């Protein structure tokens, strides 16, 4: 059974930094598609950043230049470094994994928020 677990959420002041981590276990193959999503109260879940099977990355416009997604060599652990945090970054952050046939499909699944395996979320709160 595939399990996905996030960690690292916390409360910080605006301008601060946090590093979220995600561990994926129970899967025998490397995941082709790993991403971070977030959901603020009253809003739909949205994609934040994703690593595609070819190593390329996609970021939401709202986090470009501030957030960085990275993956360990094992490819079963990945991270989200968040710098220059803003109050509008406050949300429950979820990591998710998916296995798709191509990097293009990973991008499609990211934009549609339709990954197969999800963590339970970790809360990030940014105060002004």
C-alpha atoms as a PDB file:
ATOM      1  CA  UNK A   1       0.000   0.000   0.000  1.00  0.00           C
ATOM      2  CA  UNK A   2       1.395   3.371  -1.015  1.00  0.00           C
ATOM      3  CA  UNK A   3       1.721   5.852   1.803  1.00  0.00           C
ATOM      4  CA  UNK A   4       2.507   9.532   1.481  1.00  0.00           C
ATOM      5  CA  UNK A   5       3.373  11.632   4.504  1.00  0.00           C
ATOM      6  CA  UNK A   6       4.211  15.321   4.792  1.00  0.00           C
ATOM      7  CA  UNK A   7       6.071  17.089   7.545  1.00  0.00           C
ATOM      8  CA  UNK A   8       7.470  20.521   8.294  1.00  0.00           C
ATOM      9  CA  UNK A   9       4.405  22.726   8.548  1.00  0.00           C
ATOM     10  CA  UNK A  10       4.547  25.492  11.123  1.00  0.00           C
ATOM     11  CA  UNK A  11       3.560  29.058  11.953  1.00  0.00           C
ATOM     12  CA  UNK A  12       5.960  31.771  10.794  1.00  0.00           C
ATOM     13  CA  UNK A  13       6.106  35.511  10.334  1.00  0.00           C
ATOM     14  CA  UNK A  14       5.796  37.038   6.903  1.00  0.00           C
ATOM     15  CA  UNK A  15       9.159  37.015   5.156  1.00  0.00           C
ATOM     16  CA  UNK A  16      10.208  33.833   6.896  1.00  0.00           C
ATOM     17  CA  UNK A  17      11.055  30.430   5.465  1.00  0.00           C
ATOM     18  CA  UNK A  18       9.900  26.853   5.896  1.00  0.00           C
ATOM     19  CA  UNK A  19      10.957  23.554   4.390  1.00  0.00           C
ATOM     20  CA  UNK A  20       8.335  20.891   3.885  1.00  0.00           C
ATOM     21  CA  UNK A  21       9.278  17.269   3.319  1.00  0.00           C
ATOM     22  CA  UNK A  22       7.344  14.363   1.871  1.00  0.00           C
ATOM     23  CA  UNK A  23       8.114  10.664   2.186  1.00  0.00           C
ATOM     24  CA  UNK A  24       6.564   8.158  -0.186  1.00  0.00           C
ATOM     25  CA  UNK A  25       6.648   4.485   0.784  1.00  0.00           C
ATOM     26  CA  UNK A  26       5.154   1.189  -0.295  1.00  0.00           C
ATOM     27  CA  UNK A  27       5.774   1.650  -3.987  1.00  0.00           C
ATOM     28  CA  UNK A  28       8.212  -0.563  -5.816  1.00  0.00           C
ATOM     29  CA  UNK A  29       8.926   1.778  -8.711  1.00  0.00           C
ATOM     30  CA  UNK A  30      10.208   5.314  -8.779  1.00  0.00           C
ATOM     31  CA  UNK A  31       7.401   7.802  -8.990  1.00  0.00           C
ATOM     32  CA  UNK A  32       7.294   9.782 -12.161  1.00  0.00           C
ATOM     33  CA  UNK A  33       5.407  12.680 -10.792  1.00  0.00           C
ATOM     34  CA  UNK A  34       5.597  14.273  -7.353  1.00  0.00           C
ATOM     35  CA  UNK A  35       3.969  17.482  -6.382  1.00  0.00           C
ATOM     36  CA  UNK A  36       2.902  19.905  -3.706  1.00  0.00           C
ATOM     37  CA  UNK A  37      -0.585  21.320  -3.478  1.00  0.00           C
ATOM     38  CA  UNK A  38      -2.322  23.613  -1.022  1.00  0.00           C
ATOM     39  CA  UNK A  39      -5.816  24.454   0.062  1.00  0.00           C
ATOM     40  CA  UNK A  40      -6.822  27.540   1.968  1.00  0.00           C
ATOM     41  CA  UNK A  41     -10.143  27.726   3.846  1.00  0.00           C
ATOM     42  CA  UNK A  42     -13.006  28.270   1.437  1.00  0.00           C
ATOM     43  CA  UNK A  43     -10.821  27.782  -1.618  1.00  0.00           C
ATOM     44  CA  UNK A  44     -10.192  24.934  -4.000  1.00  0.00           C
ATOM     45  CA  UNK A  45      -7.031  22.867  -3.781  1.00  0.00           C
ATOM     46  CA  UNK A  46      -4.392  24.225  -6.126  1.00  0.00           C
ATOM     47  CA  UNK A  47      -1.080  23.059  -7.455  1.00  0.00           C
ATOM     48  CA  UNK A  48       2.012  24.713  -5.993  1.00  0.00           C
ATOM     49  CA  UNK A  49       4.946  22.883  -7.575  1.00  0.00           C
ATOM     50  CA  UNK A  50       5.670  19.583  -9.286  1.00  0.00           C
ATOM     51  CA  UNK A  51       8.700  17.569 -10.395  1.00  0.00           C
ATOM     52  CA  UNK A  52       8.117  15.755 -13.645  1.00  0.00           C
ATOM     53  CA  UNK A  53       9.648  12.402 -14.612  1.00  0.00           C
ATOM     54  CA  UNK A  54      12.324  14.105 -16.702  1.00  0.00           C
ATOM     55  CA  UNK A  55      13.451  16.228 -13.742  1.00  0.00           C
ATOM     56  CA  UNK A  56      11.834  19.418 -14.939  1.00  0.00           C
ATOM     57  CA  UNK A  57       9.653  21.468 -12.622  1.00  0.00           C
ATOM     58  CA  UNK A  58       6.504  23.543 -12.818  1.00  0.00           C
ATOM     59  CA  UNK A  59       5.523  26.243 -10.346  1.00  0.00           C
ATOM     60  CA  UNK A  60       2.352  28.167  -9.747  1.00  0.00           C
ATOM     61  CA  UNK A  61       2.825  31.804 -10.756  1.00  0.00           C
ATOM     62  CA  UNK A  62       2.129  32.905  -7.193  1.00  0.00           C
ATOM     63  CA  UNK A  63       5.187  31.078  -5.829  1.00  0.00           C
ATOM     64  CA  UNK A  64       7.713  31.414  -8.651  1.00  0.00           C
ATOM     65  CA  UNK A  65      11.022  32.742  -7.390  1.00  0.00           C
ATOM     66  CA  UNK A  66      10.109  32.031  -3.759  1.00  0.00           C
ATOM     67  CA  UNK A  67       9.477  28.276  -3.591  1.00  0.00           C
ATOM     68  CA  UNK A  68      11.744  25.457  -4.756  1.00  0.00           C
ATOM     69  CA  UNK A  69      10.794  21.819  -5.151  1.00  0.00           C
ATOM     70  CA  UNK A  70      13.539  19.210  -4.939  1.00  0.00           C
ATOM     71  CA  UNK A  71      13.862  15.461  -4.835  1.00  0.00           C
ATOM     72  CA  UNK A  72      16.313  13.198  -3.033  1.00  0.00           C
ATOM     73  CA  UNK A  73      18.375  10.716  -5.001  1.00  0.00           C
ATOM     74  CA  UNK A  74      16.131   7.920  -3.781  1.00  0.00           C
ATOM     75  CA  UNK A  75      13.268   9.693  -5.554  1.00  0.00           C
ATOM     76  CA  UNK A  76      10.991   8.642  -2.726  1.00  0.00           C
ATOM     77  CA  UNK A  77      11.505  11.785  -0.685  1.00  0.00           C
ATOM     78  CA  UNK A  78      10.959  15.299  -1.908  1.00  0.00           C
ATOM     79  CA  UNK A  79      10.869  18.748  -0.423  1.00  0.00           C
ATOM     80  CA  UNK A  80       9.414  22.196  -0.807  1.00  0.00           C
ATOM     81  CA  UNK A  81      11.647  25.067   0.286  1.00  0.00           C
ATOM     82  CA  UNK A  82       9.476  28.115   0.876  1.00  0.00           C
ATOM     83  CA  UNK A  83      11.142  31.510   1.218  1.00  0.00           C
ATOM     84  CA  UNK A  84       9.770  35.025   1.526  1.00  0.00           C
ATOM     85  CA  UNK A  85       6.506  33.646   2.841  1.00  0.00           C
ATOM     86  CA  UNK A  86       3.414  35.810   2.643  1.00  0.00           C
ATOM     87  CA  UNK A  87       0.149  35.681   4.603  1.00  0.00           C
ATOM     88  CA  UNK A  88      -1.590  34.526   1.434  1.00  0.00           C
ATOM     89  CA  UNK A  89       0.576  31.390   1.515  1.00  0.00           C
ATOM     90  CA  UNK A  90      -1.366  30.262   4.576  1.00  0.00           C
ATOM     91  CA  UNK A  91      -2.982  26.917   3.762  1.00  0.00           C
ATOM     92  CA  UNK A  92      -2.953  23.201   4.344  1.00  0.00           C
ATOM     93  CA  UNK A  93      -0.151  21.841   2.193  1.00  0.00           C
ATOM     94  CA  UNK A  94      -0.410  18.391   0.664  1.00  0.00           C
ATOM     95  CA  UNK A  95       2.166  16.313  -1.109  1.00  0.00           C
ATOM     96  CA  UNK A  96       1.080  13.799  -3.696  1.00  0.00           C
ATOM     97  CA  UNK A  97       2.589  11.203  -5.982  1.00  0.00           C
ATOM     98  CA  UNK A  98       1.481   9.775  -9.255  1.00  0.00           C
ATOM     99  CA  UNK A  99       2.803   7.464 -11.928  1.00  0.00           C
ATOM    100  CA  UNK A 100       2.076   8.521 -15.457  1.00  0.00           C
ATOM    101  CA  UNK A 101       3.275   7.566 -18.900  1.00  0.00           C
ATOM    102  CA  UNK A 102       5.048  10.834 -19.674  1.00  0.00           C
ATOM    103  CA  UNK A 103       6.176  14.155 -18.253  1.00  0.00           C
ATOM    104  CA  UNK A 104       3.421  15.796 -20.270  1.00  0.00           C
ATOM    105  CA  UNK A 105       0.763  13.782 -18.478  1.00  0.00           C
ATOM    106  CA  UNK A 106       2.347  14.671 -15.167  1.00  0.00           C
ATOM    107  CA  UNK A 107       1.904  18.338 -16.042  1.00  0.00           C
ATOM    108  CA  UNK A 108      -1.712  17.706 -16.995  1.00  0.00           C
ATOM    109  CA  UNK A 109      -2.432  15.862 -13.740  1.00  0.00           C
ATOM    110  CA  UNK A 110      -0.760  18.678 -11.798  1.00  0.00           C
ATOM    111  CA  UNK A 111      -2.914  21.350 -13.384  1.00  0.00           C
ATOM    112  CA  UNK A 112      -6.057  19.247 -12.914  1.00  0.00           C
ATOM    113  CA  UNK A 113      -5.089  18.263  -9.327  1.00  0.00           C
ATOM    114  CA  UNK A 114      -5.753  14.583 -10.033  1.00  0.00           C
ATOM    115  CA  UNK A 115      -2.835  12.698  -8.485  1.00  0.00           C
ATOM    116  CA  UNK A 116      -3.328   9.125  -7.240  1.00  0.00           C
ATOM    117  CA  UNK A 117      -1.646   9.158  -3.841  1.00  0.00           C
ATOM    118  CA  UNK A 118      -2.079  11.909  -1.257  1.00  0.00           C
ATOM    119  CA  UNK A 119      -0.761  12.758   2.160  1.00  0.00           C
ATOM    120  CA  UNK A 120      -2.970  14.072   4.937  1.00  0.00           C
ATOM    121  CA  UNK A 121      -1.548  17.562   4.830  1.00  0.00           C
ATOM    122  CA  UNK A 122       0.577  19.829   6.973  1.00  0.00           C
ATOM    123  CA  UNK A 123      -0.549  23.287   8.052  1.00  0.00           C
ATOM    124  CA  UNK A 124       1.426  26.376   7.107  1.00  0.00           C
ATOM    125  CA  UNK A 125       0.370  29.626   8.742  1.00  0.00           C
ATOM    126  CA  UNK A 126       2.026  32.933   7.855  1.00  0.00           C
ATOM    127  CA  UNK A 127       1.229  35.927  10.002  1.00  0.00           C
ATOM    128  CA  UNK A 128       1.762  39.543   9.035  1.00  0.00           C
END
